[in-house]
Amino acid sequence: MAADQPPEARLDGEGNPIDDQPLIERTIDQWPLALVLLGLVTGLVVLSFYDFRAGSIILGVAIIFGAALRMVLPRDRAGLLAIRSRPVDLVTMFGLGITLTTVAVLIPPAR
């Protein structure tokens, strides 16, 4: 290998480049997804043990928060929140979050 040529990228079995970044750094880079998952887990706990309506609202708000993060963060910083193109991700997450929150608010309280 000549000194003036850059090293070749390592490839996995499917031909995708292998990221040489350590596992800890790759995990820390997923903070947007971690925040959304924390909100989802909190919502599920509240839904299961406290109140259906409050838990559902927390779930919806967590999904809307994920959509907002996807909207403002570039693709390389959004991590695993960036699944498809930005418009598809935003329509899907905002739609799901708003629908879930609206249904949770409109359901009459238990008697």
PDB file of N, CA and C in Angstrom:
ATOM      1  N   MET A   1       0.848  -1.165   0.000  1.00  0.00           N
ATOM      2  CA  MET A   1       0.000   0.000   0.000  1.00  0.00           C
ATOM      3  C   MET A   1       0.894   1.228   0.000  1.00  0.00           C
ATOM      4  N   ALA A   2       0.598   2.146  -0.878  1.00  0.00           N
ATOM      5  CA  ALA A   2       1.394   3.366  -0.978  1.00  0.00           C
ATOM      6  C   ALA A   2       1.021   4.305   0.161  1.00  0.00           C
ATOM      7  N   ALA A   3       1.985   5.135   0.566  1.00  0.00           N
ATOM      8  CA  ALA A   3       1.775   6.041   1.691  1.00  0.00           C
ATOM      9  C   ALA A   3       0.786   7.148   1.352  1.00  0.00           C
ATOM     10  N   ASP A   4       0.608   7.483   0.087  1.00  0.00           N
ATOM     11  CA  ASP A   4      -0.271   8.581  -0.280  1.00  0.00           C
ATOM     12  C   ASP A   4      -1.719   8.140  -0.479  1.00  0.00           C
ATOM     13  N   GLN A   5      -2.021   6.856  -0.386  1.00  0.00           N
ATOM     14  CA  GLN A   5      -3.378   6.370  -0.556  1.00  0.00           C
ATOM     15  C   GLN A   5      -4.041   6.190   0.817  1.00  0.00           C
ATOM     16  N   PRO A   6      -5.304   6.622   0.940  1.00  0.00           N
ATOM     17  CA  PRO A   6      -5.992   6.411   2.226  1.00  0.00           C
ATOM     18  C   PRO A   6      -6.275   4.929   2.424  1.00  0.00           C
ATOM     19  N   PRO A   7      -6.353   4.493   3.689  1.00  0.00           N
ATOM     20  CA  PRO A   7      -6.661   3.083   3.940  1.00  0.00           C
ATOM     21  C   PRO A   7      -8.071   2.762   3.456  1.00  0.00           C
ATOM     22  N   GLU A   8      -8.251   1.540   3.013  1.00  0.00           N
ATOM     23  CA  GLU A   8      -9.565   1.118   2.549  1.00  0.00           C
ATOM     24  C   GLU A   8     -10.491   0.918   3.740  1.00  0.00           C
ATOM     25  N   ALA A   9     -11.760   1.244   3.530  1.00  0.00           N
ATOM     26  CA  ALA A   9     -12.755   1.083   4.595  1.00  0.00           C
ATOM     27  C   ALA A   9     -13.038  -0.399   4.792  1.00  0.00           C
ATOM     28  N   ARG A  10     -13.190  -0.794   6.052  1.00  0.00           N
ATOM     29  CA  ARG A  10     -13.571  -2.177   6.344  1.00  0.00           C
ATOM     30  C   ARG A  10     -15.053  -2.325   6.082  1.00  0.00           C
ATOM     31  N   LEU A  11     -15.446  -3.455   5.531  1.00  0.00           N
ATOM     32  CA  LEU A  11     -16.839  -3.694   5.184  1.00  0.00           C
ATOM     33  C   LEU A  11     -17.376  -4.892   5.943  1.00  0.00           C
ATOM     34  N   ASP A  12     -18.673  -4.826   6.284  1.00  0.00           N
ATOM     35  CA  ASP A  12     -19.284  -5.986   6.917  1.00  0.00           C
ATOM     36  C   ASP A  12     -19.728  -6.963   5.834  1.00  0.00           C
ATOM     37  N   GLY A  13     -20.454  -8.000   6.211  1.00  0.00           N
ATOM     38  CA  GLY A  13     -20.852  -9.038   5.272  1.00  0.00           C
ATOM     39  C   GLY A  13     -21.760  -8.560   4.158  1.00  0.00           C
ATOM     40  N   GLU A  14     -22.469  -7.433   4.375  1.00  0.00           N
ATOM     41  CA  GLU A  14     -23.379  -6.915   3.360  1.00  0.00           C
ATOM     42  C   GLU A  14     -22.757  -5.794   2.537  1.00  0.00           C
ATOM     43  N   GLY A  15     -21.499  -5.487   2.771  1.00  0.00           N
ATOM     44  CA  GLY A  15     -20.827  -4.453   2.007  1.00  0.00           C
ATOM     45  C   GLY A  15     -20.942  -3.059   2.599  1.00  0.00           C
ATOM     46  N   ASN A  16     -21.489  -2.944   3.816  1.00  0.00           N
ATOM     47  CA  ASN A  16     -21.611  -1.653   4.476  1.00  0.00           C
ATOM     48  C   ASN A  16     -20.333  -1.355   5.242  1.00  0.00           C
ATOM     49  N   PRO A  17     -19.919  -0.077   5.282  1.00  0.00           N
ATOM     50  CA  PRO A  17     -18.695   0.237   6.035  1.00  0.00           C
ATOM     51  C   PRO A  17     -18.882   0.000   7.528  1.00  0.00           C
ATOM     52  N   ILE A  18     -17.854  -0.488   8.175  1.00  0.00           N
ATOM     53  CA  ILE A  18     -17.875  -0.743   9.612  1.00  0.00           C
ATOM     54  C   ILE A  18     -17.392   0.510  10.315  1.00  0.00           C
ATOM     55  N   ASP A  19     -18.167   0.953  11.293  1.00  0.00           N
ATOM     56  CA  ASP A  19     -17.812   2.140  12.058  1.00  0.00           C
ATOM     57  C   ASP A  19     -16.769   1.744  13.103  1.00  0.00           C
ATOM     58  N   ASP A  20     -15.634   2.431  13.105  1.00  0.00           N
ATOM     59  CA  ASP A  20     -14.568   2.121  14.051  1.00  0.00           C
ATOM     60  C   ASP A  20     -14.745   2.835  15.393  1.00  0.00           C
ATOM     61  N   GLN A  21     -15.830   3.562  15.548  1.00  0.00           N
ATOM     62  CA  GLN A  21     -16.094   4.271  16.785  1.00  0.00           C
ATOM     63  C   GLN A  21     -16.383   3.257  17.895  1.00  0.00           C
ATOM     64  N   PRO A  22     -15.830   3.441  19.093  1.00  0.00           N
ATOM     65  CA  PRO A  22     -16.074   2.498  20.193  1.00  0.00           C
ATOM     66  C   PRO A  22     -17.556   2.408  20.542  1.00  0.00           C
ATOM     67  N   LEU A  23     -17.945   1.287  21.112  1.00  0.00           N
ATOM     68  CA  LEU A  23     -19.338   1.014  21.441  1.00  0.00           C
ATOM     69  C   LEU A  23     -19.914   2.064  22.383  1.00  0.00           C
ATOM     70  N   ILE A  24     -19.153   2.500  23.368  1.00  0.00           N
ATOM     71  CA  ILE A  24     -19.641   3.499  24.323  1.00  0.00           C
ATOM     72  C   ILE A  24     -19.995   4.798  23.600  1.00  0.00           C
ATOM     73  N   GLU A  25     -19.143   5.250  22.697  1.00  0.00           N
ATOM     74  CA  GLU A  25     -19.410   6.496  21.969  1.00  0.00           C
ATOM     75  C   GLU A  25     -20.601   6.339  21.035  1.00  0.00           C
ATOM     76  N   ARG A  26     -20.728   5.173  20.390  1.00  0.00           N
ATOM     77  CA  ARG A  26     -21.888   4.947  19.528  1.00  0.00           C
ATOM     78  C   ARG A  26     -23.168   4.938  20.342  1.00  0.00           C
ATOM     79  N   THR A  27     -23.110   4.416  21.551  1.00  0.00           N
ATOM     80  CA  THR A  27     -24.285   4.371  22.412  1.00  0.00           C
ATOM     81  C   THR A  27     -24.654   5.768  22.903  1.00  0.00           C
ATOM     82  N   ILE A  28     -23.667   6.561  23.288  1.00  0.00           N
ATOM     83  CA  ILE A  28     -23.922   7.921  23.756  1.00  0.00           C
ATOM     84  C   ILE A  28     -24.500   8.775  22.636  1.00  0.00           C
ATOM     85  N   ASP A  29     -24.128   8.503  21.403  1.00  0.00           N
ATOM     86  CA  ASP A  29     -24.646   9.260  20.263  1.00  0.00           C
ATOM     87  C   ASP A  29     -26.140   9.018  20.045  1.00  0.00           C
ATOM     88  N   GLN A  30     -26.722   8.053  20.724  1.00  0.00           N
ATOM     89  CA  GLN A  30     -28.143   7.743  20.568  1.00  0.00           C
ATOM     90  C   GLN A  30     -29.002   8.425  21.640  1.00  0.00           C
ATOM     91  N   TRP A  31     -28.540   9.559  22.169  1.00  0.00           N
ATOM     92  CA  TRP A  31     -29.283  10.238  23.230  1.00  0.00           C
ATOM     93  C   TRP A  31     -30.689  10.668  22.815  1.00  0.00           C
ATOM     94  N   PRO A  32     -30.956  11.062  21.561  1.00  0.00           N
ATOM     95  CA  PRO A  32     -32.351  11.416  21.235  1.00  0.00           C
ATOM     96  C   PRO A  32     -33.301  10.228  21.406  1.00  0.00           C
ATOM     97  N   LEU A  33     -32.881   9.069  20.934  1.00  0.00           N
ATOM     98  CA  LEU A  33     -33.714   7.881  21.086  1.00  0.00           C
ATOM     99  C   LEU A  33     -33.865   7.513  22.556  1.00  0.00           C
ATOM    100  N   ALA A  34     -32.815   7.663  23.340  1.00  0.00           N
ATOM    101  CA  ALA A  34     -32.875   7.334  24.770  1.00  0.00           C
ATOM    102  C   ALA A  34     -33.886   8.229  25.496  1.00  0.00           C
ATOM    103  N   LEU A  35     -33.929   9.515  25.148  1.00  0.00           N
ATOM    104  CA  LEU A  35     -34.905  10.410  25.772  1.00  0.00           C
ATOM    105  C   LEU A  35     -36.331  10.002  25.427  1.00  0.00           C
ATOM    106  N   VAL A  36     -36.565   9.674  24.176  1.00  0.00           N
ATOM    107  CA  VAL A  36     -37.906   9.259  23.757  1.00  0.00           C
ATOM    108  C   VAL A  36     -38.291   7.948  24.441  1.00  0.00           C
ATOM    109  N   LEU A  37     -37.374   6.997  24.493  1.00  0.00           N
ATOM    110  CA  LEU A  37     -37.663   5.720  25.163  1.00  0.00           C
ATOM    111  C   LEU A  37     -37.919   5.911  26.653  1.00  0.00           C
ATOM    112  N   LEU A  38     -37.207   6.838  27.283  1.00  0.00           N
ATOM    113  CA  LEU A  38     -37.449   7.140  28.690  1.00  0.00           C
ATOM    114  C   LEU A  38     -38.872   7.666  28.882  1.00  0.00           C
ATOM    115  N   GLY A  39     -39.308   8.542  27.979  1.00  0.00           N
ATOM    116  CA  GLY A  39     -40.685   9.029  28.044  1.00  0.00           C
ATOM    117  C   GLY A  39     -41.699   7.926  27.820  1.00  0.00           C
ATOM    118  N   LEU A  40     -41.408   7.022  26.881  1.00  0.00           N
ATOM    119  CA  LEU A  40     -42.319   5.913  26.617  1.00  0.00           C
ATOM    120  C   LEU A  40     -42.417   4.969  27.811  1.00  0.00           C
ATOM    121  N   VAL A  41     -41.293   4.658  28.425  1.00  0.00           N
ATOM    122  CA  VAL A  41     -41.305   3.775  29.601  1.00  0.00           C
ATOM    123  C   VAL A  41     -42.053   4.445  30.752  1.00  0.00           C
ATOM    124  N   THR A  42     -41.821   5.737  30.940  1.00  0.00           N
ATOM    125  CA  THR A  42     -42.539   6.467  31.991  1.00  0.00           C
ATOM    126  C   THR A  42     -44.044   6.427  31.737  1.00  0.00           C
ATOM    127  N   GLY A  43     -44.433   6.648  30.493  1.00  0.00           N
ATOM    128  CA  GLY A  43     -45.846   6.598  30.139  1.00  0.00           C
ATOM    129  C   GLY A  43     -46.450   5.230  30.377  1.00  0.00           C
ATOM    130  N   LEU A  44     -45.712   4.181  30.032  1.00  0.00           N
ATOM    131  CA  LEU A  44     -46.219   2.823  30.245  1.00  0.00           C
ATOM    132  C   LEU A  44     -46.357   2.496  31.729  1.00  0.00           C
ATOM    133  N   VAL A  45     -45.417   2.967  32.538  1.00  0.00           N
ATOM    134  CA  VAL A  45     -45.501   2.731  33.980  1.00  0.00           C
ATOM    135  C   VAL A  45     -46.713   3.460  34.563  1.00  0.00           C
ATOM    136  N   VAL A  46     -46.878   4.731  34.180  1.00  0.00           N
ATOM    137  CA  VAL A  46     -48.027   5.495  34.672  1.00  0.00           C
ATOM    138  C   VAL A  46     -49.328   4.856  34.189  1.00  0.00           C
ATOM    139  N   LEU A  47     -49.354   4.440  32.928  1.00  0.00           N
ATOM    140  CA  LEU A  47     -50.544   3.802  32.355  1.00  0.00           C
ATOM    141  C   LEU A  47     -50.882   2.513  33.097  1.00  0.00           C
ATOM    142  N   SER A  48     -49.876   1.736  33.432  1.00  0.00           N
ATOM    143  CA  SER A  48     -50.110   0.438  34.064  1.00  0.00           C
ATOM    144  C   SER A  48     -50.501   0.541  35.534  1.00  0.00           C
ATOM    145  N   PHE A  49     -49.869   1.447  36.271  1.00  0.00           N
ATOM    146  CA  PHE A  49     -50.036   1.455  37.713  1.00  0.00           C
ATOM    147  C   PHE A  49     -50.832   2.630  38.265  1.00  0.00           C
ATOM    148  N   TYR A  50     -51.047   3.670  37.450  1.00  0.00           N
ATOM    149  CA  TYR A  50     -51.700   4.847  38.010  1.00  0.00           C
ATOM    150  C   TYR A  50     -52.983   5.190  37.264  1.00  0.00           C
ATOM    151  N   ASP A  51     -52.847   5.730  36.058  1.00  0.00           N
ATOM    152  CA  ASP A  51     -54.015   6.252  35.354  1.00  0.00           C
ATOM    153  C   ASP A  51     -53.857   6.043  33.857  1.00  0.00           C
ATOM    154  N   PHE A  52     -54.872   5.447  33.260  1.00  0.00           N
ATOM    155  CA  PHE A  52     -54.850   5.188  31.819  1.00  0.00           C
ATOM    156  C   PHE A  52     -54.700   6.473  31.017  1.00  0.00           C
ATOM    157  N   ARG A  53     -55.483   7.471  31.362  1.00  0.00           N
ATOM    158  CA  ARG A  53     -55.474   8.725  30.605  1.00  0.00           C
ATOM    159  C   ARG A  53     -54.126   9.445  30.715  1.00  0.00           C
ATOM    160  N   ALA A  54     -53.608   9.596  31.906  1.00  0.00           N
ATOM    161  CA  ALA A  54     -52.328  10.290  32.090  1.00  0.00           C
ATOM    162  C   ALA A  54     -51.195   9.540  31.396  1.00  0.00           C
ATOM    163  N   GLY A  55     -51.182   8.229  31.518  1.00  0.00           N
ATOM    164  CA  GLY A  55     -50.143   7.437  30.863  1.00  0.00           C
ATOM    165  C   GLY A  55     -50.201   7.547  29.355  1.00  0.00           C
ATOM    166  N   SER A  56     -51.415   7.540  28.800  1.00  0.00           N
ATOM    167  CA  SER A  56     -51.566   7.671  27.350  1.00  0.00           C
ATOM    168  C   SER A  56     -51.126   9.047  26.868  1.00  0.00           C
ATOM    169  N   ILE A  57     -51.417  10.070  27.650  1.00  0.00           N
ATOM    170  CA  ILE A  57     -50.977  11.419  27.282  1.00  0.00           C
ATOM    171  C   ILE A  57     -49.457  11.506  27.320  1.00  0.00           C
ATOM    172  N   ILE A  58     -48.838  10.905  28.318  1.00  0.00           N
ATOM    173  CA  ILE A  58     -47.366  10.911  28.389  1.00  0.00           C
ATOM    174  C   ILE A  58     -46.780  10.172  27.188  1.00  0.00           C
ATOM    175  N   LEU A  59     -47.375   9.046  26.807  1.00  0.00           N
ATOM    176  CA  LEU A  59     -46.908   8.315  25.623  1.00  0.00           C
ATOM    177  C   LEU A  59     -47.001   9.192  24.372  1.00  0.00           C
ATOM    178  N   GLY A  60     -48.133   9.844  24.183  1.00  0.00           N
ATOM    179  CA  GLY A  60     -48.314  10.703  23.019  1.00  0.00           C
ATOM    180  C   GLY A  60     -47.331  11.866  22.998  1.00  0.00           C
ATOM    181  N   VAL A  61     -47.124  12.483  24.144  1.00  0.00           N
ATOM    182  CA  VAL A  61     -46.182  13.607  24.224  1.00  0.00           C
ATOM    183  C   VAL A  61     -44.757  13.129  23.957  1.00  0.00           C
ATOM    184  N   ALA A  62     -44.404  11.953  24.418  1.00  0.00           N
ATOM    185  CA  ALA A  62     -43.064  11.413  24.152  1.00  0.00           C
ATOM    186  C   ALA A  62     -42.853  11.198  22.653  1.00  0.00           C
ATOM    187  N   ILE A  63     -43.871  10.708  21.973  1.00  0.00           N
ATOM    188  CA  ILE A  63     -43.760  10.501  20.526  1.00  0.00           C
ATOM    189  C   ILE A  63     -43.676  11.841  19.800  1.00  0.00           C
ATOM    190  N   ILE A  64     -44.462  12.827  20.240  1.00  0.00           N
ATOM    191  CA  ILE A  64     -44.392  14.168  19.640  1.00  0.00           C
ATOM    192  C   ILE A  64     -43.015  14.780  19.895  1.00  0.00           C
ATOM    193  N   PHE A  65     -42.469  14.556  21.085  1.00  0.00           N
ATOM    194  CA  PHE A  65     -41.122  15.046  21.396  1.00  0.00           C
ATOM    195  C   PHE A  65     -40.087  14.403  20.467  1.00  0.00           C
ATOM    196  N   GLY A  66     -40.242  13.103  20.197  1.00  0.00           N
ATOM    197  CA  GLY A  66     -39.351  12.433  19.254  1.00  0.00           C
ATOM    198  C   GLY A  66     -39.449  13.027  17.858  1.00  0.00           C
ATOM    199  N   ALA A  67     -40.659  13.364  17.450  1.00  0.00           N
ATOM    200  CA  ALA A  67     -40.845  13.990  16.144  1.00  0.00           C
ATOM    201  C   ALA A  67     -40.199  15.373  16.105  1.00  0.00           C
ATOM    202  N   ALA A  68     -40.324  16.112  17.205  1.00  0.00           N
ATOM    203  CA  ALA A  68     -39.693  17.431  17.260  1.00  0.00           C
ATOM    204  C   ALA A  68     -38.165  17.312  17.192  1.00  0.00           C
ATOM    205  N   LEU A  69     -37.615  16.317  17.894  1.00  0.00           N
ATOM    206  CA  LEU A  69     -36.168  16.092  17.811  1.00  0.00           C
ATOM    207  C   LEU A  69     -35.760  15.731  16.389  1.00  0.00           C
ATOM    208  N   ARG A  70     -36.548  14.884  15.747  1.00  0.00           N
ATOM    209  CA  ARG A  70     -36.251  14.486  14.357  1.00  0.00           C
ATOM    210  C   ARG A  70     -36.322  15.690  13.425  1.00  0.00           C
ATOM    211  N   MET A  71     -37.201  16.656  13.736  1.00  0.00           N
ATOM    212  CA  MET A  71     -37.368  17.814  12.889  1.00  0.00           C
ATOM    213  C   MET A  71     -36.168  18.767  13.001  1.00  0.00           C
ATOM    214  N   VAL A  72     -35.631  18.937  14.199  1.00  0.00           N
ATOM    215  CA  VAL A  72     -34.580  19.939  14.388  1.00  0.00           C
ATOM    216  C   VAL A  72     -33.165  19.381  14.273  1.00  0.00           C
ATOM    217  N   LEU A  73     -32.977  18.091  14.501  1.00  0.00           N
ATOM    218  CA  LEU A  73     -31.635  17.520  14.447  1.00  0.00           C
ATOM    219  C   LEU A  73     -31.306  17.041  13.033  1.00  0.00           C
ATOM    220  N   PRO A  74     -30.057  17.240  12.596  1.00  0.00           N
ATOM    221  CA  PRO A  74     -29.675  16.670  11.302  1.00  0.00           C
ATOM    222  C   PRO A  74     -29.652  15.148  11.375  1.00  0.00           C
ATOM    223  N   ARG A  75     -29.683  14.505  10.220  1.00  0.00           N
ATOM    224  CA  ARG A  75     -29.790  13.047  10.156  1.00  0.00           C
ATOM    225  C   ARG A  75     -28.681  12.340  10.946  1.00  0.00           C
ATOM    226  N   ASP A  76     -27.460  12.841  10.881  1.00  0.00           N
ATOM    227  CA  ASP A  76     -26.360  12.162  11.575  1.00  0.00           C
ATOM    228  C   ASP A  76     -26.435  12.347  13.089  1.00  0.00           C
ATOM    229  N   ARG A  77     -27.127  13.379  13.581  1.00  0.00           N
ATOM    230  CA  ARG A  77     -27.273  13.587  15.021  1.00  0.00           C
ATOM    231  C   ARG A  77     -28.562  12.970  15.569  1.00  0.00           C
ATOM    232  N   ALA A  78     -29.540  12.708  14.698  1.00  0.00           N
ATOM    233  CA  ALA A  78     -30.822  12.149  15.151  1.00  0.00           C
ATOM    234  C   ALA A  78     -30.689  10.679  15.521  1.00  0.00           C
ATOM    235  N   GLY A  79     -29.623  10.050  15.077  1.00  0.00           N
ATOM    236  CA  GLY A  79     -29.406   8.649  15.428  1.00  0.00           C
ATOM    237  C   GLY A  79     -30.492   7.750  14.882  1.00  0.00           C
ATOM    238  N   LEU A  80     -30.978   6.863  15.732  1.00  0.00           N
ATOM    239  CA  LEU A  80     -31.976   5.885  15.299  1.00  0.00           C
ATOM    240  C   LEU A  80     -33.386   6.458  15.194  1.00  0.00           C
ATOM    241  N   LEU A  81     -33.567   7.744  15.487  1.00  0.00           N
ATOM    242  CA  LEU A  81     -34.856   8.375  15.204  1.00  0.00           C
ATOM    243  C   LEU A  81     -35.027   8.594  13.699  1.00  0.00           C
ATOM    244  N   ALA A  82     -33.914   8.638  12.984  1.00  0.00           N
ATOM    245  CA  ALA A  82     -33.957   8.831  11.534  1.00  0.00           C
ATOM    246  C   ALA A  82     -34.024   7.461  10.870  1.00  0.00           C
ATOM    247  N   ILE A  83     -35.226   7.023  10.562  1.00  0.00           N
ATOM    248  CA  ILE A  83     -35.410   5.708   9.957  1.00  0.00           C
ATOM    249  C   ILE A  83     -35.580   5.841   8.455  1.00  0.00           C
ATOM    250  N   ARG A  84     -36.479   6.715   8.050  1.00  0.00           N
ATOM    251  CA  ARG A  84     -36.760   6.918   6.632  1.00  0.00           C
ATOM    252  C   ARG A  84     -36.385   8.346   6.283  1.00  0.00           C
ATOM    253  N   SER A  85     -37.006   8.889   5.268  1.00  0.00           N
ATOM    254  CA  SER A  85     -36.752  10.298   4.950  1.00  0.00           C
ATOM    255  C   SER A  85     -37.412  11.160   6.032  1.00  0.00           C
ATOM    256  N   ARG A  86     -36.930  12.373   6.154  1.00  0.00           N
ATOM    257  CA  ARG A  86     -37.452  13.266   7.191  1.00  0.00           C
ATOM    258  C   ARG A  86     -38.966  13.476   7.085  1.00  0.00           C
ATOM    259  N   PRO A  87     -39.517  13.762   5.892  1.00  0.00           N
ATOM    260  CA  PRO A  87     -40.978  13.961   5.832  1.00  0.00           C
ATOM    261  C   PRO A  87     -41.773  12.733   6.275  1.00  0.00           C
ATOM    262  N   VAL A  88     -41.338  11.561   5.897  1.00  0.00           N
ATOM    263  CA  VAL A  88     -42.059  10.342   6.291  1.00  0.00           C
ATOM    264  C   VAL A  88     -41.974  10.144   7.800  1.00  0.00           C
ATOM    265  N   ASP A  89     -40.791  10.343   8.369  1.00  0.00           N
ATOM    266  CA  ASP A  89     -40.641  10.221   9.820  1.00  0.00           C
ATOM    267  C   ASP A  89     -41.521  11.220  10.557  1.00  0.00           C
ATOM    268  N   LEU A  90     -41.539  12.472  10.092  1.00  0.00           N
ATOM    269  CA  LEU A  90     -42.311  13.502  10.774  1.00  0.00           C
ATOM    270  C   LEU A  90     -43.810  13.244  10.691  1.00  0.00           C
ATOM    271  N   VAL A  91     -44.302  12.888   9.508  1.00  0.00           N
ATOM    272  CA  VAL A  91     -45.733  12.613   9.365  1.00  0.00           C
ATOM    273  C   VAL A  91     -46.131  11.428  10.238  1.00  0.00           C
ATOM    274  N   THR A  92     -45.309  10.395  10.236  1.00  0.00           N
ATOM    275  CA  THR A  92     -45.620   9.204  11.028  1.00  0.00           C
ATOM    276  C   THR A  92     -45.625   9.508  12.522  1.00  0.00           C
ATOM    277  N   MET A  93     -44.573  10.144  13.020  1.00  0.00           N
ATOM    278  CA  MET A  93     -44.474  10.373  14.465  1.00  0.00           C
ATOM    279  C   MET A  93     -45.446  11.441  14.944  1.00  0.00           C
ATOM    280  N   PHE A  94     -45.550  12.564  14.215  1.00  0.00           N
ATOM    281  CA  PHE A  94     -46.523  13.573  14.635  1.00  0.00           C
ATOM    282  C   PHE A  94     -47.941  13.024  14.561  1.00  0.00           C
ATOM    283  N   GLY A  95     -48.257  12.292  13.508  1.00  0.00           N
ATOM    284  CA  GLY A  95     -49.595  11.717  13.374  1.00  0.00           C
ATOM    285  C   GLY A  95     -49.926  10.775  14.502  1.00  0.00           C
ATOM    286  N   LEU A  96     -49.002   9.867  14.819  1.00  0.00           N
ATOM    287  CA  LEU A  96     -49.230   8.912  15.903  1.00  0.00           C
ATOM    288  C   LEU A  96     -49.332   9.619  17.249  1.00  0.00           C
ATOM    289  N   GLY A  97     -48.430  10.562  17.510  1.00  0.00           N
ATOM    290  CA  GLY A  97     -48.434  11.271  18.792  1.00  0.00           C
ATOM    291  C   GLY A  97     -49.676  12.102  19.001  1.00  0.00           C
ATOM    292  N   ILE A  98     -50.083  12.845  17.967  1.00  0.00           N
ATOM    293  CA  ILE A  98     -51.276  13.686  18.085  1.00  0.00           C
ATOM    294  C   ILE A  98     -52.526  12.818  18.210  1.00  0.00           C
ATOM    295  N   THR A  99     -52.597  11.744  17.436  1.00  0.00           N
ATOM    296  CA  THR A  99     -53.759  10.852  17.518  1.00  0.00           C
ATOM    297  C   THR A  99     -53.862  10.216  18.897  1.00  0.00           C
ATOM    298  N   LEU A 100     -52.765   9.707  19.419  1.00  0.00           N
ATOM    299  CA  LEU A 100     -52.784   9.066  20.735  1.00  0.00           C
ATOM    300  C   LEU A 100     -53.165  10.054  21.823  1.00  0.00           C
ATOM    301  N   THR A 101     -52.605  11.250  21.774  1.00  0.00           N
ATOM    302  CA  THR A 101     -52.918  12.262  22.781  1.00  0.00           C
ATOM    303  C   THR A 101     -54.379  12.702  22.688  1.00  0.00           C
ATOM    304  N   THR A 102     -54.864  12.894  21.466  1.00  0.00           N
ATOM    305  CA  THR A 102     -56.255  13.310  21.275  1.00  0.00           C
ATOM    306  C   THR A 102     -57.227  12.242  21.784  1.00  0.00           C
ATOM    307  N   VAL A 103     -56.975  11.000  21.448  1.00  0.00           N
ATOM    308  CA  VAL A 103     -57.854   9.915  21.910  1.00  0.00           C
ATOM    309  C   VAL A 103     -57.821   9.829  23.435  1.00  0.00           C
ATOM    310  N   ALA A 104     -56.642   9.984  24.026  1.00  0.00           N
ATOM    311  CA  ALA A 104     -56.537   9.906  25.489  1.00  0.00           C
ATOM    312  C   ALA A 104     -57.323  11.024  26.167  1.00  0.00           C
ATOM    313  N   VAL A 105     -57.337  12.207  25.560  1.00  0.00           N
ATOM    314  CA  VAL A 105     -58.060  13.320  26.149  1.00  0.00           C
ATOM    315  C   VAL A 105     -59.569  13.160  25.954  1.00  0.00           C
ATOM    316  N   LEU A 106     -59.970  12.608  24.807  1.00  0.00           N
ATOM    317  CA  LEU A 106     -61.399  12.522  24.499  1.00  0.00           C
ATOM    318  C   LEU A 106     -62.116  11.345  25.145  1.00  0.00           C
ATOM    319  N   ILE A 107     -61.412  10.352  25.614  1.00  0.00           N
ATOM    320  CA  ILE A 107     -62.063   9.213  26.266  1.00  0.00           C
ATOM    321  C   ILE A 107     -62.669   9.691  27.583  1.00  0.00           C
ATOM    322  N   PRO A 108     -63.953   9.398  27.791  1.00  0.00           N
ATOM    323  CA  PRO A 108     -64.562   9.844  29.050  1.00  0.00           C
ATOM    324  C   PRO A 108     -63.945   9.130  30.246  1.00  0.00           C
ATOM    325  N   PRO A 109     -63.862   9.825  31.370  1.00  0.00           N
ATOM    326  CA  PRO A 109     -63.271   9.196  32.559  1.00  0.00           C
ATOM    327  C   PRO A 109     -64.148   8.053  33.073  1.00  0.00           C
ATOM    328  N   ALA A 110     -63.502   7.092  33.720  1.00  0.00           N
ATOM    329  CA  ALA A 110     -64.225   5.948  34.282  1.00  0.00           C
ATOM    330  C   ALA A 110     -65.089   6.399  35.449  1.00  0.00           C
ATOM    331  N   ARG A 111     -66.220   5.744  35.628  1.00  0.00           N
ATOM    332  CA  ARG A 111     -67.125   6.144  36.728  1.00  0.00           C
ATOM    333  C   ARG A 111     -66.993   5.222  37.885  1.00  0.00           C
TER     334      ARG A 111
END
